[in-house]
Protein backbone atom coordinates (compact mmCIF):
# COMPACT_ATOMS: atom_id res chain seq x y z
CA MET A 1 0.00 0.00 0.00
CA ASP A 2 1.29 3.38 -0.95
CA ILE A 3 0.74 6.11 1.63
CA THR A 4 -1.23 8.08 -0.98
CA ASP A 5 -3.57 5.23 -1.97
CA LYS A 6 -7.28 5.73 -1.40
CA LEU A 7 -8.62 3.43 1.32
CA SER A 8 -11.52 1.12 0.54
CA PHE A 9 -12.93 -1.62 2.75
CA SER A 10 -15.64 -4.12 1.86
CA HIS A 11 -16.51 -4.91 5.49
CA LYS A 12 -16.95 -2.64 8.50
CA ASP A 13 -14.96 -4.94 10.80
CA ARG A 14 -12.01 -4.82 8.43
CA LYS A 15 -12.12 -1.04 8.44
CA ASP A 16 -12.30 -1.06 12.25
CA LEU A 17 -9.28 -3.36 12.41
CA TYR A 18 -7.28 -1.24 9.99
CA ASP A 19 -8.21 1.97 11.84
CA TYR A 20 -7.16 0.44 15.16
CA VAL A 21 -3.76 -0.65 13.82
CA GLU A 22 -3.25 2.66 11.97
CA SER A 23 -3.92 4.72 15.08
CA HIS A 24 -1.56 2.65 17.26
CA GLY A 25 1.37 2.24 14.88
CA THR A 26 2.32 -1.18 16.19
CA VAL A 27 -0.10 -3.34 18.15
CA ARG A 28 -0.18 -6.92 19.41
CA LYS A 29 -2.61 -9.12 17.52
CA ASP A 30 -4.30 -10.39 20.67
CA GLU A 31 -4.66 -6.83 21.99
CA ALA A 32 -6.30 -5.68 18.75
CA ARG A 33 -8.72 -8.62 18.76
CA ARG A 34 -9.75 -8.07 22.37
CA SER A 35 -10.09 -4.30 21.98
CA LEU A 36 -12.33 -4.75 18.94
CA ASN A 37 -14.27 -7.58 20.62
CA MET A 38 -13.89 -9.91 17.64
CA GLU A 39 -14.21 -13.66 17.70
CA PRO A 40 -10.86 -15.38 16.96
CA GLY A 41 -12.14 -16.94 13.73
CA ALA A 42 -13.56 -13.70 12.35
CA PHE A 43 -10.46 -11.77 13.43
CA GLY A 44 -8.24 -14.26 11.60
CA VAL A 45 -10.28 -13.95 8.41
CA HIS A 46 -10.31 -10.14 8.46
CA MET A 47 -6.58 -10.01 9.22
CA THR A 48 -5.81 -12.41 6.37
CA ILE A 49 -7.82 -10.34 3.89
CA LEU A 50 -6.27 -7.06 5.01
CA ARG A 51 -2.83 -8.60 4.71
CA ARG A 52 -3.59 -9.99 1.26
CA GLU A 53 -4.93 -6.61 0.08
CA GLY A 54 -1.77 -4.89 1.31
CA TYR A 55 -3.30 -2.89 4.16
CA ILE A 56 -1.59 -4.46 7.15
CA ARG A 57 1.45 -6.64 7.79
CA GLU A 58 2.56 -8.92 10.60
CA VAL A 59 5.83 -8.23 12.39
CA GLY A 60 6.24 -11.13 14.78
CA ASP A 61 3.18 -11.11 17.03
CA ARG A 62 2.36 -7.51 16.12
CA LEU A 63 0.48 -5.72 13.37
CA GLN A 64 1.38 -2.55 11.47
CA ILE A 65 -0.12 -0.78 8.49
CA ALA A 66 1.69 -2.05 5.38
CA TYR A 67 2.87 1.25 3.91
CA GLN A 68 5.35 1.13 1.05
CA GLU A 69 8.92 1.66 2.26
CA GLU A 70 11.22 3.36 -0.22
CA ALA A 71 14.59 1.75 -0.90
CA PRO A 72 17.33 3.19 1.35
CA ARG A 73 19.89 5.42 -0.34
CA GLU A 74 23.52 5.53 0.72
CA TYR A 75 25.61 8.71 0.67
CA GLU A 76 29.12 9.79 1.56
CA SER A 77 30.36 13.34 2.03
CA GLY A 78 33.54 14.63 3.64
CA GLY A 79 34.34 11.24 5.14
CA LEU A 80 30.87 10.85 6.64
CA SER A 81 28.67 7.99 5.44
CA PHE A 82 24.92 8.13 5.95
CA VAL A 83 21.73 6.52 4.75
CA ILE A 84 18.40 8.17 3.95
CA ARG A 85 15.48 5.78 4.36
CA THR A 86 11.79 5.67 5.18
CA ALA A 87 11.26 6.06 8.92
CA ARG A 88 10.00 3.05 10.87
CA GLU A 89 7.84 2.96 13.97
CA ASP A 90 10.82 2.00 16.13
CA ASP A 91 12.52 5.27 15.12
CA GLN A 92 9.93 7.31 16.99
CA GLU A 93 11.81 8.07 20.19
CA ASP A 94 15.10 8.97 18.47
CA LEU A 95 13.33 10.95 15.75
CA THR A 96 11.15 12.94 18.15
CA ARG A 97 14.21 13.82 20.24
CA THR A 98 16.04 14.96 17.07
CA ILE A 99 13.12 17.14 15.94
CA ARG A 100 12.86 18.81 19.35
CA GLU A 101 16.60 19.46 19.46
CA VAL A 102 16.54 21.19 16.08
CA ALA A 103 13.31 23.07 16.75
CA GLU A 104 14.50 24.51 20.04
CA GLU A 105 17.77 25.87 18.69
CA GLY A 106 16.29 27.68 15.72
CA ASP A 107 12.72 28.81 16.51
CA TYR A 108 11.29 26.17 14.18
CA PHE A 109 7.70 26.02 15.42
CA GLU A 110 6.33 23.90 12.58
CA ALA A 111 8.81 21.18 13.56
CA GLU A 112 8.06 21.61 17.25
CA THR A 113 4.37 21.04 16.47
CA VAL A 114 5.29 17.83 14.64
CA ALA A 115 7.20 16.63 17.72
CA ASP A 116 4.23 17.45 19.95
CA VAL A 117 1.92 15.44 17.69
CA LEU A 118 4.30 12.46 17.71
CA ASP A 119 4.48 12.56 21.50
CA HIS A 120 0.70 12.71 21.76
CA GLU A 121 -0.16 10.08 19.16
CA GLU A 122 2.87 7.80 19.69
CA VAL A 123 2.67 6.87 15.99
CA LEU A 124 5.01 7.89 13.17
CA ILE A 125 3.41 6.89 9.88
CA ARG A 126 -0.26 7.73 9.40
CA HIS A 127 -2.62 6.95 6.56
CA ASN A 128 -6.33 7.46 7.16
CA GLU A 129 -9.30 9.15 5.53
CA VAL A 130 -8.45 12.58 6.95
CA ARG A 131 -4.68 12.96 6.85
CA SER A 132 -1.53 10.99 6.09
CA ARG A 133 2.13 11.58 6.86
CA ILE A 134 5.48 10.07 6.04
CA PHE A 135 9.02 10.64 7.28
CA PHE A 136 12.43 10.00 5.79
CA VAL A 137 15.37 9.92 8.18
CA ALA A 138 19.09 10.35 7.68
CA CYS A 139 20.96 7.80 9.80
CA VAL A 140 24.66 7.60 10.63
CA GLY A 141 26.88 5.07 12.34
CA ASP A 142 26.52 1.40 13.13
CA ASP A 143 23.73 2.14 15.62
CA ASP A 144 21.61 3.84 12.91
CA GLU A 145 21.47 7.14 14.83
CA VAL A 146 18.92 9.61 13.47
CA ALA A 147 20.82 12.71 12.39
CA GLY A 148 17.95 14.48 10.61
CA TRP A 149 14.59 14.10 8.95
CA VAL A 150 12.24 15.29 6.28
CA HIS A 151 8.51 15.00 6.94
CA LEU A 152 5.53 15.42 4.65
CA ASP A 153 2.05 16.04 6.02
CA LEU A 154 -0.51 15.05 3.38
CA PRO A 155 -4.10 16.30 3.69
CA GLU A 156 -6.76 13.99 2.25
CA THR A 157 -9.27 16.81 1.74
CA GLU A 158 -9.95 17.01 -2.00
CA PHE A 159 -9.35 20.75 -2.36
CA LEU A 160 -5.93 20.46 -0.64
CA ALA A 161 -4.88 17.02 -1.89
CA HIS A 162 -2.41 18.54 -4.40
CA THR A 163 -0.45 20.21 -1.58
CA ALA A 164 1.65 19.06 1.37
CA VAL A 165 3.43 20.64 4.32
CA LEU A 166 7.12 19.77 4.62
CA THR A 167 9.47 20.08 7.55
CA VAL A 168 13.16 19.27 7.43
CA GLY A 169 15.95 19.51 9.96
CA LEU A 170 19.41 18.29 10.92
CA ARG A 171 21.26 18.07 14.19
CA ASP A 172 24.03 20.62 14.55
CA GLU A 173 26.94 18.17 14.73
CA TYR A 174 26.09 16.74 11.30
CA ARG A 175 25.84 19.98 9.38
CA GLY A 176 28.30 20.85 6.66
CA HIS A 177 28.06 17.51 4.83
CA GLY A 178 25.09 18.26 2.59
CA ILE A 179 22.78 15.96 4.55
CA GLY A 180 20.12 18.64 4.96
CA SER A 181 20.08 19.29 1.22
CA ASP A 182 19.87 15.57 0.47
CA LEU A 183 16.96 15.21 2.88
CA LEU A 184 15.10 18.14 1.39
CA GLU A 185 15.68 16.87 -2.13
CA ARG A 186 14.47 13.40 -1.11
CA GLY A 187 11.23 14.82 0.27
CA VAL A 188 10.64 17.03 -2.77
CA GLU A 189 11.37 14.14 -5.13
CA TRP A 190 8.93 11.86 -3.31
CA ALA A 191 6.22 14.54 -3.42
CA ARG A 192 6.72 15.19 -7.12
CA GLU A 193 6.66 11.46 -7.94
CA HIS A 194 3.35 11.13 -6.07
CA GLY A 195 1.65 13.94 -7.95
CA PHE A 196 1.88 16.78 -5.44
CA GLU A 197 2.03 20.21 -7.01
CA LYS A 198 3.06 22.47 -4.14
CA LEU A 199 4.90 22.19 -0.83
CA TYR A 200 4.72 24.61 2.09
CA ASN A 201 6.84 25.41 5.12
CA SER A 202 6.55 28.27 7.61
CA VAL A 203 9.21 29.71 9.90
CA PRO A 204 9.51 32.82 12.07
CA GLU A 205 11.45 35.69 10.53
CA THR A 206 14.09 35.22 13.25
CA ASN A 207 15.08 31.85 11.75
CA GLN A 208 17.14 33.34 8.94
CA ARG A 209 19.20 30.17 8.53
CA ALA A 210 16.08 28.19 7.59
CA ILE A 211 14.88 30.93 5.23
CA ASP A 212 18.26 31.08 3.48
CA PHE A 213 18.38 27.28 3.24
CA LEU A 214 14.96 27.01 1.60
CA GLU A 215 15.60 29.96 -0.73
CA GLY A 216 18.82 28.31 -1.78
CA HIS A 217 16.78 25.32 -2.96
CA GLY A 218 14.26 27.31 -4.96
CA TRP A 219 11.62 28.04 -2.32
CA GLU A 220 9.99 31.45 -2.30
CA THR A 221 8.21 33.58 0.28
CA GLU A 222 4.51 33.60 -0.58
CA ALA A 223 3.20 35.61 2.35
CA VAL A 224 4.15 37.13 5.68
CA ARG A 225 1.80 37.07 8.64
CA LYS A 226 2.61 40.08 10.76
CA HIS A 227 3.19 39.53 14.48
CA HIS A 228 2.05 35.90 14.20
CA TYR A 229 4.37 34.68 16.97
CA ARG A 230 5.21 36.09 20.36
CA ILE A 231 8.71 35.07 21.40
CA ASP A 232 10.07 36.23 24.76
CA GLY A 233 7.49 38.99 24.81
CA GLU A 234 8.35 40.24 21.33
CA TYR A 235 6.06 39.90 18.30
CA VAL A 236 7.64 38.12 15.35
CA ASP A 237 6.38 37.72 11.78
CA GLU A 238 5.74 34.32 10.23
CA VAL A 239 7.39 33.76 6.84
CA MET A 240 5.23 31.41 4.76
CA MET A 241 7.36 29.72 2.10
CA ALA A 242 6.50 27.41 -0.78
CA VAL A 243 7.94 25.61 -3.77
CA ASP A 244 5.95 24.90 -6.93
CA LEU A 245 6.55 21.35 -8.20
CA SER A 246 4.55 21.81 -11.39
CA ASP A 247 7.16 24.07 -13.00
């Protein structure tokens, strides 16, 4: 299942099972069955059909939604090797910590909001009838440490379905190797390949590094919301940036 596929279920219980797994990220099979109050036989049938149709997958004794994982890409720059891959549910703690670290140092409130949502939902990848999201992470070292991320928030509403909100960030100690640019390019490439026409990102005017970074990759300022933020008692404008993928 691709994260942009339309969802369609021929039985209410199968939709309930998918929704339960989707909202929990990773869930034990027996927990899902008990929570949904399904008979073992019926649960087994619904799970088999959802697995066959590509909606869920089994990972040991647990269930996850079966989103399509992109092939990892290997890079090397200035003696540093890293991999950019689709994020997995077990990346959540490391990824959330990375997002908060980057957000706090540079007044990156869009990213801070993403971290808050991850903490609240305790799920990385989402794909439901209202909204979907996907992350790519840059990982370094033998322990697969998350150095940075690019995230795409994908509204399912028809009149916004051609757009997505992107956040991207990189921990300070890994800057200077082009990882941030590779992450951004990976997110933009994925969006273009999946038919998105426009990407958005918003930052406070005080985050000049982020503004310069996006402008350097072809993003433009579309609007400025005056005094949108209040930081340490001072009002700060929001710079609303976008890149047109249809050009």
